[in-house]
Amino acid sequence: MPYHRMNSEFKILKTQHQNVMSDLRTLPKELNEALLRRKKLSEETKSCRICHSRLLSEWTQLKHEVSTLRKENRKLLRKQTLLQQCCEEGKRICEEAREKINSPRAKQQQEQEGLEERLEDTTKQKELVTQQRDLEEKSQHHFNDSEMRTQELQCEQEHATAQDASALQTELLEEGH
């Protein structure tokens, strides 16, 4: 019996040895594959970081531009309000002048033309203010789109990094067993 028991233990040990040797033969290949996957993941991560950095830079620049445009818009709105007040005051003065002046019609018409020119200039300035406001709204829309793109890319990058880390952990655990 001791011989039979030693023979069966030897067979078990021999089988275990063969399994270990087989694992040792495949280990370099698996290590190379894992290194290649790691290198690929590192390159993808680097690429994502570069892309993220560019988008962050663009987002920061757009944010600064929007801030500048908002400041300019506030100034233009104040100017517009003043111009509207001046325009109203000009109209009022015109009406008063028309009522009070008893001079010849030519003089009256000359003054009216001068006031109309001022009114036209005021109207042009008001149009410029409106154009500036439209430009700010367009810039804000572009800024919002860029911000959404940045958030989407960040989510994708985080998701990809989590998947890659999970896959690498799973592979390392499988190799450990």
Protein backbone atom coordinates (compact mmCIF):
# COMPACT_ATOMS: atom_id res chain seq x y z
CA MET A 1 0.00 0.00 0.00
CA PRO A 2 2.68 2.58 0.72
CA TYR A 3 3.99 2.16 -2.81
CA HIS A 4 0.52 2.66 -4.27
CA ARG A 5 -0.02 5.73 -2.10
CA MET A 6 3.36 7.17 -3.15
CA ASN A 7 2.62 6.40 -6.78
CA SER A 8 -0.74 8.25 -6.67
CA GLU A 9 0.89 11.19 -4.87
CA PHE A 10 3.58 11.23 -7.51
CA LYS A 11 0.97 11.32 -10.26
CA ILE A 12 -0.80 14.19 -8.53
CA LEU A 13 2.48 16.05 -8.11
CA LYS A 14 3.43 15.32 -11.71
CA THR A 15 0.07 16.67 -12.94
CA GLN A 16 0.46 19.75 -10.77
CA HIS A 17 4.00 20.20 -12.07
CA GLN A 18 2.81 19.96 -15.67
CA ASN A 19 0.09 22.53 -15.01
CA VAL A 20 2.60 24.88 -13.40
CA MET A 21 5.03 24.43 -16.29
CA SER A 22 2.24 25.07 -18.79
CA ASP A 23 1.31 28.23 -16.92
CA LEU A 24 4.95 29.29 -16.87
CA ARG A 25 5.17 28.85 -20.67
CA THR A 26 2.10 31.02 -21.27
CA LEU A 27 3.05 33.62 -18.67
CA PRO A 28 5.52 35.60 -20.88
CA LYS A 29 2.93 35.82 -23.66
CA GLU A 30 0.25 36.98 -21.21
CA LEU A 31 2.66 39.49 -19.69
CA ASN A 32 3.47 40.88 -23.14
CA GLU A 33 -0.23 41.16 -23.95
CA ALA A 34 -0.88 42.91 -20.64
CA LEU A 35 2.02 45.29 -21.29
CA LEU A 36 0.69 46.06 -24.77
CA ARG A 37 -2.79 46.71 -23.37
CA ARG A 38 -1.27 48.94 -20.67
CA LYS A 39 0.73 50.86 -23.28
CA LYS A 40 -2.36 51.31 -25.44
CA LEU A 41 -4.39 52.48 -22.45
CA SER A 42 -1.62 54.89 -21.47
CA GLU A 43 -1.59 56.35 -24.99
CA GLU A 44 -5.37 56.70 -24.99
CA THR A 45 -5.26 58.35 -21.57
CA LYS A 46 -2.56 60.74 -22.77
CA SER A 47 -4.63 61.56 -25.84
CA CYS A 48 -7.70 62.18 -23.69
CA ARG A 49 -5.70 64.40 -21.35
CA ILE A 50 -4.40 66.46 -24.27
CA CYS A 51 -7.92 66.79 -25.68
CA HIS A 52 -9.27 67.69 -22.25
CA SER A 53 -6.53 70.27 -21.78
CA ARG A 54 -7.31 71.87 -25.14
CA LEU A 55 -11.03 71.98 -24.38
CA LEU A 56 -10.40 73.40 -20.95
CA SER A 57 -8.19 76.10 -22.45
CA GLU A 58 -10.82 76.89 -25.08
CA TRP A 59 -13.53 76.93 -22.42
CA THR A 60 -11.50 79.30 -20.24
CA GLN A 61 -10.87 81.61 -23.18
CA LEU A 62 -14.55 81.61 -24.14
CA LYS A 63 -15.53 82.26 -20.54
CA HIS A 64 -13.20 85.26 -20.48
CA GLU A 65 -14.58 86.53 -23.80
CA VAL A 66 -18.16 86.18 -22.57
CA SER A 67 -17.26 88.07 -19.40
CA THR A 68 -15.69 90.84 -21.48
CA LEU A 69 -18.70 90.96 -23.78
CA ARG A 70 -21.04 91.16 -20.80
CA LYS A 71 -19.11 94.12 -19.42
CA GLU A 72 -19.21 95.81 -22.81
CA ASN A 73 -22.90 95.04 -23.10
CA ARG A 74 -23.61 96.64 -19.71
CA LYS A 75 -21.73 99.75 -20.81
CA LEU A 76 -23.62 99.82 -24.09
CA LEU A 77 -26.94 99.36 -22.33
CA ARG A 78 -26.14 102.34 -20.10
CA LYS A 79 -25.22 104.34 -23.19
CA GLN A 80 -28.39 103.21 -24.91
CA THR A 81 -30.46 104.35 -21.94
CA LEU A 82 -28.72 107.72 -21.96
CA LEU A 83 -29.18 108.02 -25.71
CA GLN A 84 -32.86 107.20 -25.42
CA GLN A 85 -33.22 109.84 -22.73
CA CYS A 86 -31.35 112.33 -24.89
CA CYS A 87 -33.52 111.41 -27.85
CA GLU A 88 -36.68 111.95 -25.82
CA GLU A 89 -35.30 115.22 -24.48
CA GLY A 90 -34.43 116.26 -28.05
CA LYS A 91 -37.93 115.50 -29.23
CA ARG A 92 -39.39 117.45 -26.33
CA ILE A 93 -37.13 120.42 -27.02
CA CYS A 94 -38.10 120.23 -30.68
CA GLU A 95 -41.76 120.38 -29.86
CA GLU A 96 -41.29 123.27 -27.45
CA ALA A 97 -39.19 125.14 -29.98
CA ARG A 98 -41.80 124.64 -32.67
CA GLU A 99 -44.48 126.08 -30.43
CA LYS A 100 -42.44 129.05 -29.19
CA ILE A 101 -40.68 130.16 -32.34
CA ASN A 102 -42.45 132.83 -34.32
CA SER A 103 -39.62 133.33 -36.75
CA PRO A 104 -39.86 132.69 -40.46
CA ARG A 105 -40.61 129.18 -41.65
CA ALA A 106 -37.10 128.74 -43.15
CA LYS A 107 -35.39 129.17 -39.80
CA GLN A 108 -37.82 126.77 -38.21
CA GLN A 109 -37.23 124.19 -40.92
CA GLN A 110 -33.46 124.57 -40.54
CA GLU A 111 -33.67 123.84 -36.82
CA GLN A 112 -36.00 120.93 -37.43
CA GLU A 113 -33.54 119.42 -39.91
CA GLY A 114 -30.74 119.80 -37.37
CA LEU A 115 -32.82 118.03 -34.75
CA GLU A 116 -33.77 115.30 -37.21
CA GLU A 117 -30.09 114.74 -37.98
CA ARG A 118 -29.39 114.42 -34.26
CA LEU A 119 -32.29 112.02 -33.97
CA GLU A 120 -30.95 109.98 -36.89
CA ASP A 121 -27.49 109.85 -35.27
CA THR A 122 -29.07 108.74 -32.01
CA THR A 123 -31.02 106.03 -33.84
CA LYS A 124 -27.82 104.76 -35.48
CA GLN A 125 -26.12 104.59 -32.09
CA LYS A 126 -29.08 102.67 -30.72
CA GLU A 127 -28.78 100.16 -33.59
CA LEU A 128 -25.10 99.66 -32.75
CA VAL A 129 -26.02 98.88 -29.16
CA THR A 130 -28.60 96.35 -30.35
CA GLN A 131 -26.02 94.68 -32.62
CA GLN A 132 -23.62 94.44 -29.69
CA ARG A 133 -26.29 92.76 -27.56
CA ASP A 134 -26.96 90.23 -30.36
CA LEU A 135 -23.22 89.49 -30.54
CA GLU A 136 -23.13 88.80 -26.80
CA GLU A 137 -26.05 86.38 -27.07
CA LYS A 138 -24.31 84.49 -29.88
CA SER A 139 -21.08 84.31 -27.85
CA GLN A 140 -23.00 83.05 -24.83
CA HIS A 141 -24.59 80.33 -26.95
CA HIS A 142 -21.16 79.28 -28.27
CA PHE A 143 -19.81 79.27 -24.73
CA ASN A 144 -22.67 77.06 -23.52
CA ASP A 145 -22.10 74.60 -26.40
CA SER A 146 -18.39 74.41 -25.61
CA GLU A 147 -19.09 73.86 -21.93
CA MET A 148 -21.47 70.98 -22.77
CA ARG A 149 -18.82 69.42 -25.07
CA THR A 150 -16.24 69.66 -22.28
CA GLN A 151 -18.56 67.96 -19.79
CA GLU A 152 -19.39 65.18 -22.27
CA LEU A 153 -15.71 64.52 -22.97
CA GLN A 154 -14.92 64.47 -19.26
CA CYS A 155 -17.67 61.89 -18.69
CA GLU A 156 -16.42 59.79 -21.60
CA GLN A 157 -12.86 59.98 -20.33
CA GLU A 158 -13.88 58.98 -16.81
CA HIS A 159 -16.00 56.13 -18.14
CA ALA A 160 -13.18 54.88 -20.41
CA THR A 161 -10.63 55.11 -17.59
CA ALA A 162 -12.93 53.21 -15.22
CA GLN A 163 -13.56 50.50 -17.84
CA ASP A 164 -9.85 50.19 -18.61
CA ALA A 165 -8.95 49.98 -14.92
CA SER A 166 -11.66 47.38 -14.33
CA ALA A 167 -10.55 45.32 -17.33
CA LEU A 168 -6.92 45.47 -16.22
CA GLN A 169 -7.86 44.45 -12.66
CA THR A 170 -9.94 41.55 -13.97
CA GLU A 171 -7.07 40.39 -16.17
CA LEU A 172 -4.58 40.64 -13.32
CA LEU A 173 -6.94 38.69 -11.04
CA GLU A 174 -7.41 36.03 -13.70
CA GLU A 175 -3.67 35.76 -14.15
CA GLY A 176 -3.24 35.48 -10.38
CA HIS A 177 -5.52 32.46 -10.25
